Amino acid sequence: MDIQEALRKAAEMQSHLQIISVVEYGPYWIFSYCEPGLTPEECPGMPMLKMRRTDGFSTYLHVQDKDFLDIVKHATKVDLPEHTLPYSPTS
């Protein structure tokens, strides 16, 4: 699965929100969401989606997940084309 297909799938899963960041961690992409018109700083507690890069299998990432802190500390930003984010199903 390529990143553009993954962005579309992630956006459809939370169609009322925008994707504001994408990071990589191991075999996963992590998508962070926010309400349209808000800044990332105004969006704590919004959903985060963990998607396996090979097949698109997705689960929501929660603070209590055993790998949450590792992801926050060690994930790397995905290099996306300029103006890709924020991303929504209508982008």
N, C-alpha and C. Protein backbone atom coordinates (compact mmCIF):
# COMPACT_ATOMS: atom_id res chain seq x y z
N MET A 1 0.85 -1.17 0.00
CA MET A 1 0.00 0.00 0.00
C MET A 1 0.90 1.24 0.00
N ASP A 2 0.59 2.21 -0.85
CA ASP A 2 1.39 3.43 -0.85
C ASP A 2 0.76 4.47 0.08
N ILE A 3 1.51 5.51 0.36
CA ILE A 3 1.07 6.51 1.34
C ILE A 3 -0.19 7.25 0.89
N GLN A 4 -0.35 7.51 -0.40
CA GLN A 4 -1.55 8.22 -0.86
C GLN A 4 -2.80 7.37 -0.64
N GLU A 5 -2.71 6.09 -0.92
CA GLU A 5 -3.83 5.18 -0.66
C GLU A 5 -4.12 5.09 0.84
N ALA A 6 -3.07 5.05 1.64
CA ALA A 6 -3.22 5.00 3.09
C ALA A 6 -3.88 6.28 3.62
N LEU A 7 -3.47 7.43 3.09
CA LEU A 7 -4.10 8.70 3.50
C LEU A 7 -5.60 8.68 3.20
N ARG A 8 -5.96 8.22 2.01
CA ARG A 8 -7.39 8.15 1.65
C ARG A 8 -8.15 7.24 2.61
N LYS A 9 -7.59 6.08 2.87
CA LYS A 9 -8.26 5.13 3.77
C LYS A 9 -8.39 5.70 5.18
N ALA A 10 -7.33 6.30 5.68
CA ALA A 10 -7.37 6.88 7.03
C ALA A 10 -8.37 8.04 7.09
N ALA A 11 -8.43 8.85 6.05
CA ALA A 11 -9.37 9.98 6.02
C ALA A 11 -10.81 9.49 6.00
N GLU A 12 -11.07 8.43 5.28
CA GLU A 12 -12.43 7.89 5.22
C GLU A 12 -12.88 7.32 6.56
N MET A 13 -11.93 6.86 7.36
CA MET A 13 -12.28 6.28 8.65
C MET A 13 -12.73 7.33 9.66
N GLN A 14 -12.31 8.57 9.48
CA GLN A 14 -12.73 9.68 10.34
C GLN A 14 -13.08 10.85 9.41
N SER A 15 -14.10 10.67 8.62
CA SER A 15 -14.40 11.62 7.54
C SER A 15 -14.77 13.02 8.02
N HIS A 16 -15.14 13.17 9.28
CA HIS A 16 -15.48 14.49 9.80
C HIS A 16 -14.26 15.24 10.34
N LEU A 17 -13.09 14.57 10.34
CA LEU A 17 -11.85 15.17 10.84
C LEU A 17 -10.84 15.30 9.71
N GLN A 18 -9.76 16.05 10.00
CA GLN A 18 -8.64 16.17 9.06
C GLN A 18 -7.43 15.44 9.64
N ILE A 19 -6.61 14.86 8.76
CA ILE A 19 -5.34 14.28 9.19
C ILE A 19 -4.34 15.43 9.24
N ILE A 20 -3.70 15.58 10.40
CA ILE A 20 -2.77 16.71 10.56
C ILE A 20 -1.31 16.28 10.61
N SER A 21 -1.05 14.98 10.83
CA SER A 21 0.33 14.51 10.79
C SER A 21 0.37 13.03 10.48
N VAL A 22 1.49 12.63 9.88
CA VAL A 22 1.74 11.22 9.56
C VAL A 22 3.19 10.92 9.94
N VAL A 23 3.35 9.88 10.76
CA VAL A 23 4.70 9.44 11.13
C VAL A 23 4.82 7.95 10.86
N GLU A 24 6.06 7.48 10.80
CA GLU A 24 6.36 6.06 10.61
C GLU A 24 6.95 5.51 11.89
N TYR A 25 6.56 4.29 12.19
CA TYR A 25 7.16 3.58 13.32
C TYR A 25 7.15 2.10 12.96
N GLY A 26 8.32 1.53 12.77
CA GLY A 26 8.40 0.13 12.38
C GLY A 26 7.60 -0.09 11.10
N PRO A 27 6.73 -1.11 11.10
CA PRO A 27 5.95 -1.41 9.90
C PRO A 27 4.65 -0.60 9.78
N TYR A 28 4.53 0.47 10.57
CA TYR A 28 3.27 1.21 10.64
C TYR A 28 3.39 2.67 10.21
N TRP A 29 2.28 3.19 9.73
CA TRP A 29 2.07 4.63 9.64
C TRP A 29 1.13 5.00 10.77
N ILE A 30 1.36 6.14 11.39
CA ILE A 30 0.49 6.64 12.45
C ILE A 30 -0.09 7.96 11.95
N PHE A 31 -1.43 8.03 11.91
CA PHE A 31 -2.14 9.21 11.44
C PHE A 31 -2.78 9.91 12.64
N SER A 32 -2.55 11.21 12.77
CA SER A 32 -3.18 12.00 13.83
C SER A 32 -4.24 12.89 13.22
N TYR A 33 -5.37 12.99 13.90
CA TYR A 33 -6.52 13.74 13.41
C TYR A 33 -6.76 15.00 14.23
N CYS A 34 -7.53 15.92 13.63
CA CYS A 34 -7.92 17.15 14.31
C CYS A 34 -9.22 17.66 13.68
N GLU A 35 -9.96 18.42 14.44
CA GLU A 35 -11.16 19.08 13.91
C GLU A 35 -10.72 20.11 12.86
N PRO A 36 -11.45 20.23 11.77
CA PRO A 36 -11.10 21.25 10.76
C PRO A 36 -11.09 22.65 11.39
N GLY A 37 -10.08 23.42 11.03
CA GLY A 37 -9.96 24.80 11.51
C GLY A 37 -9.22 24.96 12.82
N LEU A 38 -8.91 23.86 13.51
CA LEU A 38 -8.16 23.96 14.76
C LEU A 38 -6.69 23.67 14.50
N THR A 39 -5.84 24.18 15.36
CA THR A 39 -4.42 23.90 15.27
C THR A 39 -4.11 22.59 16.00
N PRO A 40 -2.99 21.96 15.70
CA PRO A 40 -2.64 20.72 16.41
C PRO A 40 -2.61 20.90 17.93
N GLU A 41 -2.22 22.06 18.40
CA GLU A 41 -2.18 22.31 19.84
C GLU A 41 -3.57 22.31 20.46
N GLU A 42 -4.58 22.55 19.65
CA GLU A 42 -5.96 22.58 20.14
C GLU A 42 -6.64 21.22 20.04
N CYS A 43 -5.90 20.19 19.65
CA CYS A 43 -6.49 18.88 19.38
C CYS A 43 -5.97 17.73 20.25
N PRO A 44 -5.65 17.99 21.51
CA PRO A 44 -5.23 16.83 22.31
C PRO A 44 -6.41 15.88 22.49
N GLY A 45 -6.11 14.61 22.57
CA GLY A 45 -7.16 13.64 22.79
C GLY A 45 -7.90 13.20 21.54
N MET A 46 -7.51 13.72 20.39
CA MET A 46 -8.14 13.30 19.14
C MET A 46 -7.62 11.92 18.75
N PRO A 47 -8.37 11.22 17.90
CA PRO A 47 -7.95 9.86 17.52
C PRO A 47 -6.61 9.82 16.80
N MET A 48 -5.93 8.70 16.99
CA MET A 48 -4.71 8.39 16.26
C MET A 48 -4.91 6.99 15.68
N LEU A 49 -4.59 6.83 14.41
CA LEU A 49 -4.78 5.56 13.73
C LEU A 49 -3.43 4.94 13.41
N LYS A 50 -3.27 3.67 13.74
CA LYS A 50 -2.05 2.92 13.47
C LYS A 50 -2.36 1.97 12.32
N MET A 51 -1.71 2.17 11.16
CA MET A 51 -2.00 1.39 9.96
C MET A 51 -0.75 0.64 9.51
N ARG A 52 -0.89 -0.66 9.32
CA ARG A 52 0.22 -1.46 8.82
C ARG A 52 0.46 -1.10 7.36
N ARG A 53 1.71 -0.79 7.02
CA ARG A 53 2.05 -0.33 5.67
C ARG A 53 1.87 -1.41 4.60
N THR A 54 2.02 -2.66 4.95
CA THR A 54 1.96 -3.72 3.94
C THR A 54 0.55 -3.98 3.43
N ASP A 55 -0.42 -3.98 4.33
CA ASP A 55 -1.78 -4.38 3.93
C ASP A 55 -2.89 -3.42 4.36
N GLY A 56 -2.55 -2.34 5.07
CA GLY A 56 -3.56 -1.37 5.46
C GLY A 56 -4.38 -1.75 6.68
N PHE A 57 -4.05 -2.86 7.34
CA PHE A 57 -4.78 -3.22 8.55
C PHE A 57 -4.61 -2.10 9.57
N SER A 58 -5.72 -1.67 10.17
CA SER A 58 -5.70 -0.48 11.03
C SER A 58 -6.34 -0.74 12.38
N THR A 59 -5.78 -0.10 13.39
CA THR A 59 -6.37 -0.05 14.72
C THR A 59 -6.15 1.34 15.26
N TYR A 60 -6.98 1.73 16.21
CA TYR A 60 -6.77 3.03 16.84
C TYR A 60 -5.72 2.89 17.92
N LEU A 61 -4.88 3.89 18.02
CA LEU A 61 -3.79 3.92 18.99
C LEU A 61 -4.28 4.65 20.24
N HIS A 62 -4.04 4.05 21.39
CA HIS A 62 -4.49 4.61 22.66
C HIS A 62 -3.30 4.83 23.59
N VAL A 63 -3.42 5.78 24.48
CA VAL A 63 -2.34 6.10 25.41
C VAL A 63 -1.94 4.87 26.22
N GLN A 64 -2.89 4.03 26.55
CA GLN A 64 -2.57 2.85 27.37
C GLN A 64 -1.94 1.71 26.57
N ASP A 65 -1.85 1.82 25.25
CA ASP A 65 -1.20 0.78 24.45
C ASP A 65 0.27 0.65 24.84
N LYS A 66 0.76 -0.58 24.88
CA LYS A 66 2.13 -0.82 25.35
C LYS A 66 3.19 -0.14 24.50
N ASP A 67 2.90 0.11 23.20
CA ASP A 67 3.91 0.74 22.34
C ASP A 67 3.69 2.24 22.14
N PHE A 68 2.72 2.82 22.84
CA PHE A 68 2.41 4.24 22.64
C PHE A 68 3.62 5.14 22.90
N LEU A 69 4.27 4.98 24.05
CA LEU A 69 5.41 5.86 24.38
C LEU A 69 6.57 5.66 23.42
N ASP A 70 6.82 4.43 23.00
CA ASP A 70 7.88 4.19 22.02
C ASP A 70 7.57 4.90 20.71
N ILE A 71 6.32 4.84 20.30
CA ILE A 71 5.92 5.51 19.06
C ILE A 71 6.12 7.01 19.17
N VAL A 72 5.68 7.59 20.28
CA VAL A 72 5.83 9.04 20.48
C VAL A 72 7.31 9.44 20.48
N LYS A 73 8.15 8.63 21.11
CA LYS A 73 9.57 8.96 21.21
C LYS A 73 10.36 8.69 19.93
N HIS A 74 10.03 7.63 19.20
CA HIS A 74 10.91 7.16 18.13
C HIS A 74 10.33 7.22 16.72
N ALA A 75 9.10 7.62 16.57
CA ALA A 75 8.52 7.69 15.23
C ALA A 75 9.21 8.80 14.43
N THR A 76 9.24 8.62 13.12
CA THR A 76 9.84 9.63 12.25
C THR A 76 8.76 10.19 11.32
N LYS A 77 8.89 11.46 11.05
CA LYS A 77 7.93 12.15 10.20
C LYS A 77 8.00 11.60 8.77
N VAL A 78 6.82 11.40 8.17
CA VAL A 78 6.75 10.95 6.79
C VAL A 78 6.91 12.16 5.88
N ASP A 79 7.79 12.06 4.91
CA ASP A 79 8.03 13.16 3.98
C ASP A 79 6.94 13.16 2.91
N LEU A 80 5.98 14.06 3.04
CA LEU A 80 4.86 14.17 2.11
C LEU A 80 5.04 15.40 1.22
N PRO A 81 4.45 15.38 0.05
CA PRO A 81 4.52 16.57 -0.81
C PRO A 81 3.92 17.79 -0.10
N GLU A 82 4.45 18.94 -0.42
CA GLU A 82 3.97 20.19 0.17
C GLU A 82 2.46 20.32 -0.05
N HIS A 83 1.77 20.84 0.95
CA HIS A 83 0.32 21.09 0.94
C HIS A 83 -0.52 19.82 0.99
N THR A 84 0.09 18.69 1.36
CA THR A 84 -0.70 17.45 1.51
C THR A 84 -1.53 17.51 2.79
N LEU A 85 -0.94 18.06 3.85
CA LEU A 85 -1.64 18.17 5.12
C LEU A 85 -2.09 19.60 5.36
N PRO A 86 -3.21 19.82 6.02
CA PRO A 86 -4.14 18.81 6.52
C PRO A 86 -4.87 18.11 5.39
N TYR A 87 -5.17 16.84 5.62
CA TYR A 87 -5.79 16.00 4.61
C TYR A 87 -7.17 15.56 5.09
N SER A 88 -8.15 15.62 4.21
CA SER A 88 -9.49 15.14 4.51
C SER A 88 -10.03 14.41 3.29
N PRO A 89 -11.15 13.69 3.42
CA PRO A 89 -11.67 12.96 2.27
C PRO A 89 -11.96 13.85 1.05
N THR A 90 -12.13 15.13 1.29
CA THR A 90 -12.41 16.05 0.18
C THR A 90 -11.16 16.72 -0.35
N SER A 91 -9.99 16.36 0.21
CA SER A 91 -8.72 16.97 -0.25
C SER A 91 -8.40 16.57 -1.67
